[in-house]
């Protein structure tokens, strides 16, 4: 878990090489795309973060919007 802008965010990494931030789709979580991320990890350091209210990242008060998830993603990128 990483704390990004006050949000406790579940992050997993696999593989090695240039970093690749893999974003899961809406209503998904880390693991649903394992066949693809396993292939990517053969050549990249795959970084996956579960978005607010998905998987092991808790929800927060207020609306869950794409704007908020975009801000979360940019904060994660800046943190990394």
N, C-alpha and C. Protein backbone atom coordinates (compact mmCIF):
# COMPACT_ATOMS: atom_id res chain seq x y z
N UNK A 1 0.84 -1.18 0.00
CA UNK A 1 0.00 0.00 0.00
C UNK A 1 0.88 1.24 0.00
N UNK A 2 0.51 2.18 -0.82
CA UNK A 2 1.13 3.50 -0.82
C UNK A 2 0.07 4.51 -0.42
N UNK A 3 0.46 5.53 0.28
CA UNK A 3 -0.46 6.61 0.58
C UNK A 3 -0.16 7.74 -0.39
N UNK A 4 -1.12 8.02 -1.26
CA UNK A 4 -0.98 9.03 -2.30
C UNK A 4 -2.03 10.10 -2.05
N UNK A 5 -1.60 11.31 -1.75
CA UNK A 5 -2.53 12.41 -1.46
C UNK A 5 -3.59 12.00 -0.44
N UNK A 6 -3.16 11.26 0.60
CA UNK A 6 -4.06 10.85 1.66
C UNK A 6 -4.88 9.62 1.37
N UNK A 7 -4.79 9.06 0.17
CA UNK A 7 -5.55 7.87 -0.20
C UNK A 7 -4.65 6.65 -0.12
N UNK A 8 -5.01 5.70 0.73
CA UNK A 8 -4.27 4.45 0.84
C UNK A 8 -4.54 3.62 -0.41
N UNK A 9 -3.53 3.45 -1.25
CA UNK A 9 -3.69 2.86 -2.58
C UNK A 9 -2.94 1.54 -2.68
N UNK A 10 -3.64 0.48 -3.10
CA UNK A 10 -2.99 -0.82 -3.30
C UNK A 10 -2.25 -0.80 -4.63
N UNK A 11 -0.93 -1.07 -4.57
CA UNK A 11 -0.08 -1.05 -5.76
C UNK A 11 0.71 -2.35 -5.82
N UNK A 12 0.81 -2.94 -7.00
CA UNK A 12 1.64 -4.13 -7.22
C UNK A 12 2.57 -3.88 -8.39
N UNK A 13 3.76 -4.48 -8.31
CA UNK A 13 4.75 -4.38 -9.39
C UNK A 13 5.20 -5.78 -9.77
N UNK A 14 5.51 -5.96 -11.05
CA UNK A 14 6.06 -7.23 -11.53
C UNK A 14 6.97 -6.94 -12.71
N UNK A 15 7.88 -7.88 -12.96
CA UNK A 15 8.78 -7.75 -14.10
C UNK A 15 9.91 -6.77 -13.85
N UNK A 16 10.68 -6.55 -14.90
CA UNK A 16 11.78 -5.59 -14.84
C UNK A 16 11.93 -4.96 -16.22
N UNK A 17 12.62 -3.85 -16.23
CA UNK A 17 12.81 -3.11 -17.47
C UNK A 17 12.21 -1.73 -17.33
N UNK A 18 11.91 -1.08 -18.44
CA UNK A 18 11.32 0.26 -18.37
C UNK A 18 9.97 0.19 -17.65
N UNK A 19 9.64 1.21 -16.87
CA UNK A 19 8.37 1.19 -16.16
C UNK A 19 7.18 1.37 -17.09
N UNK A 20 6.12 0.63 -16.81
CA UNK A 20 4.87 0.74 -17.55
C UNK A 20 3.75 0.79 -16.52
N UNK A 21 3.01 1.88 -16.48
CA UNK A 21 1.89 2.03 -15.56
C UNK A 21 0.66 1.48 -16.26
N UNK A 22 0.16 0.34 -15.77
CA UNK A 22 -1.00 -0.31 -16.35
C UNK A 22 -2.24 0.08 -15.55
N UNK A 23 -3.21 0.69 -16.22
CA UNK A 23 -4.43 1.15 -15.56
C UNK A 23 -5.57 0.18 -15.85
N UNK A 24 -6.18 -0.32 -14.78
CA UNK A 24 -7.32 -1.22 -14.98
C UNK A 24 -8.54 -0.44 -15.45
N UNK A 25 -9.48 -1.14 -16.05
CA UNK A 25 -10.70 -0.50 -16.52
C UNK A 25 -11.66 -0.20 -15.39
N UNK A 26 -12.72 0.49 -15.72
CA UNK A 26 -13.74 0.83 -14.74
C UNK A 26 -14.36 -0.45 -14.19
N UNK A 27 -14.60 -0.46 -12.89
CA UNK A 27 -15.22 -1.59 -12.18
C UNK A 27 -14.34 -2.85 -12.21
N UNK A 28 -13.06 -2.71 -12.48
CA UNK A 28 -12.13 -3.84 -12.48
C UNK A 28 -11.13 -3.67 -11.35
N UNK A 29 -10.17 -4.57 -11.26
CA UNK A 29 -9.16 -4.55 -10.20
C UNK A 29 -7.92 -5.25 -10.71
N UNK A 30 -6.84 -5.16 -9.94
CA UNK A 30 -5.61 -5.87 -10.30
C UNK A 30 -5.91 -7.36 -10.32
N UNK A 31 -5.52 -8.01 -11.35
CA UNK A 31 -5.72 -9.45 -11.46
C UNK A 31 -6.61 -9.84 -12.62
N UNK A 32 -7.55 -8.97 -13.00
CA UNK A 32 -8.46 -9.36 -14.07
C UNK A 32 -7.72 -9.49 -15.40
N UNK A 33 -6.59 -8.81 -15.55
CA UNK A 33 -5.85 -8.83 -16.81
C UNK A 33 -4.52 -9.57 -16.67
N UNK A 34 -4.43 -10.51 -15.71
CA UNK A 34 -3.16 -11.22 -15.48
C UNK A 34 -2.52 -11.79 -16.74
N UNK A 35 -3.26 -12.41 -17.65
CA UNK A 35 -2.58 -12.93 -18.85
C UNK A 35 -1.83 -11.84 -19.62
N UNK A 36 -2.44 -10.66 -19.73
CA UNK A 36 -1.79 -9.57 -20.45
C UNK A 36 -0.63 -8.99 -19.63
N UNK A 37 -0.85 -8.72 -18.35
CA UNK A 37 0.21 -8.11 -17.56
C UNK A 37 1.38 -9.07 -17.36
N UNK A 38 1.11 -10.39 -17.34
CA UNK A 38 2.21 -11.35 -17.27
C UNK A 38 3.09 -11.26 -18.52
N UNK A 39 2.47 -11.10 -19.69
CA UNK A 39 3.24 -10.93 -20.92
C UNK A 39 4.03 -9.62 -20.91
N UNK A 40 3.39 -8.54 -20.47
CA UNK A 40 4.07 -7.24 -20.41
C UNK A 40 5.26 -7.29 -19.46
N UNK A 41 5.13 -8.05 -18.37
CA UNK A 41 6.20 -8.13 -17.36
C UNK A 41 7.44 -8.84 -17.89
N UNK A 42 7.34 -9.49 -19.04
CA UNK A 42 8.53 -10.11 -19.64
C UNK A 42 9.51 -9.05 -20.13
N UNK A 43 9.01 -7.83 -20.42
CA UNK A 43 9.86 -6.78 -20.97
C UNK A 43 9.79 -5.45 -20.22
N UNK A 44 8.87 -5.35 -19.28
CA UNK A 44 8.65 -4.09 -18.57
C UNK A 44 8.52 -4.33 -17.07
N UNK A 45 8.76 -3.27 -16.32
CA UNK A 45 8.40 -3.23 -14.89
C UNK A 45 6.97 -2.73 -14.86
N UNK A 46 6.02 -3.65 -14.69
CA UNK A 46 4.60 -3.33 -14.75
C UNK A 46 4.14 -2.87 -13.36
N UNK A 47 3.59 -1.68 -13.31
CA UNK A 47 3.09 -1.09 -12.07
C UNK A 47 1.57 -0.99 -12.22
N UNK A 48 0.87 -1.60 -11.27
CA UNK A 48 -0.59 -1.56 -11.28
C UNK A 48 -1.09 -0.99 -9.96
N UNK A 49 -2.02 -0.08 -10.03
CA UNK A 49 -2.62 0.50 -8.83
C UNK A 49 -4.13 0.35 -8.93
N UNK A 50 -4.74 -0.10 -7.85
CA UNK A 50 -6.20 -0.18 -7.83
C UNK A 50 -6.75 1.20 -7.49
N UNK A 51 -7.72 1.61 -8.25
CA UNK A 51 -8.32 2.94 -8.07
C UNK A 51 -9.24 2.96 -6.86
N UNK A 52 -9.55 4.15 -6.40
CA UNK A 52 -10.42 4.30 -5.23
C UNK A 52 -11.70 3.49 -5.39
N UNK A 53 -12.03 2.75 -4.33
CA UNK A 53 -13.25 1.95 -4.34
C UNK A 53 -13.18 0.70 -5.19
N UNK A 54 -11.99 0.30 -5.64
CA UNK A 54 -11.80 -0.91 -6.45
C UNK A 54 -10.84 -1.84 -5.71
N UNK A 55 -11.13 -3.13 -5.73
CA UNK A 55 -10.20 -4.11 -5.15
C UNK A 55 -9.86 -3.79 -3.71
N UNK A 56 -8.57 -3.64 -3.42
CA UNK A 56 -8.10 -3.42 -2.06
C UNK A 56 -7.84 -1.95 -1.73
N UNK A 57 -8.19 -1.04 -2.62
CA UNK A 57 -8.11 0.39 -2.33
C UNK A 57 -9.48 0.84 -1.83
N UNK A 58 -9.53 1.39 -0.61
CA UNK A 58 -10.84 1.74 -0.06
C UNK A 58 -11.50 2.88 -0.81
N UNK A 59 -12.81 2.95 -0.64
CA UNK A 59 -13.56 4.07 -1.19
C UNK A 59 -13.38 5.27 -0.26
N UNK A 60 -13.68 6.44 -0.75
CA UNK A 60 -13.60 7.66 0.03
C UNK A 60 -14.95 8.37 -0.05
N UNK A 61 -15.23 9.25 0.90
CA UNK A 61 -16.51 9.98 0.84
C UNK A 61 -16.60 10.79 -0.45
N UNK A 62 -17.82 10.97 -0.90
CA UNK A 62 -18.05 11.77 -2.10
C UNK A 62 -18.20 10.91 -3.34
N UNK A 63 -18.40 11.58 -4.42
CA UNK A 63 -18.63 10.89 -5.70
C UNK A 63 -17.34 10.25 -6.21
N UNK A 64 -17.49 9.10 -6.84
CA UNK A 64 -16.37 8.44 -7.52
C UNK A 64 -16.47 8.86 -8.98
N UNK A 65 -15.60 9.78 -9.38
CA UNK A 65 -15.66 10.33 -10.73
C UNK A 65 -14.38 10.02 -11.49
N UNK A 66 -14.48 10.11 -12.81
CA UNK A 66 -13.28 9.93 -13.63
C UNK A 66 -12.28 11.05 -13.38
N UNK A 67 -12.77 12.25 -13.11
CA UNK A 67 -11.85 13.35 -12.79
C UNK A 67 -11.05 13.03 -11.53
N UNK A 68 -11.71 12.52 -10.49
CA UNK A 68 -11.01 12.18 -9.25
C UNK A 68 -10.01 11.05 -9.50
N UNK A 69 -10.41 10.03 -10.28
CA UNK A 69 -9.49 8.92 -10.55
C UNK A 69 -8.32 9.39 -11.41
N UNK A 70 -8.55 10.36 -12.29
CA UNK A 70 -7.45 10.93 -13.08
C UNK A 70 -6.47 11.65 -12.17
N UNK A 71 -7.00 12.43 -11.23
CA UNK A 71 -6.13 13.11 -10.27
C UNK A 71 -5.34 12.11 -9.43
N UNK A 72 -5.99 11.01 -9.01
CA UNK A 72 -5.29 9.95 -8.27
C UNK A 72 -4.14 9.38 -9.10
N UNK A 73 -4.40 9.14 -10.39
CA UNK A 73 -3.40 8.55 -11.27
C UNK A 73 -2.22 9.51 -11.46
N UNK A 74 -2.50 10.78 -11.64
CA UNK A 74 -1.41 11.76 -11.79
C UNK A 74 -0.60 11.89 -10.50
N UNK A 75 -1.25 11.81 -9.36
CA UNK A 75 -0.54 11.86 -8.08
C UNK A 75 0.33 10.62 -7.92
N UNK A 76 -0.16 9.46 -8.34
CA UNK A 76 0.64 8.23 -8.29
C UNK A 76 1.84 8.36 -9.20
N UNK A 77 1.61 8.84 -10.41
CA UNK A 77 2.73 9.03 -11.35
C UNK A 77 3.79 9.95 -10.75
N UNK A 78 3.37 11.05 -10.18
CA UNK A 78 4.30 11.99 -9.57
C UNK A 78 5.04 11.34 -8.40
N UNK A 79 4.35 10.53 -7.61
CA UNK A 79 4.95 9.84 -6.47
C UNK A 79 6.02 8.85 -6.94
N UNK A 80 5.71 8.12 -8.01
CA UNK A 80 6.65 7.12 -8.51
C UNK A 80 7.85 7.77 -9.15
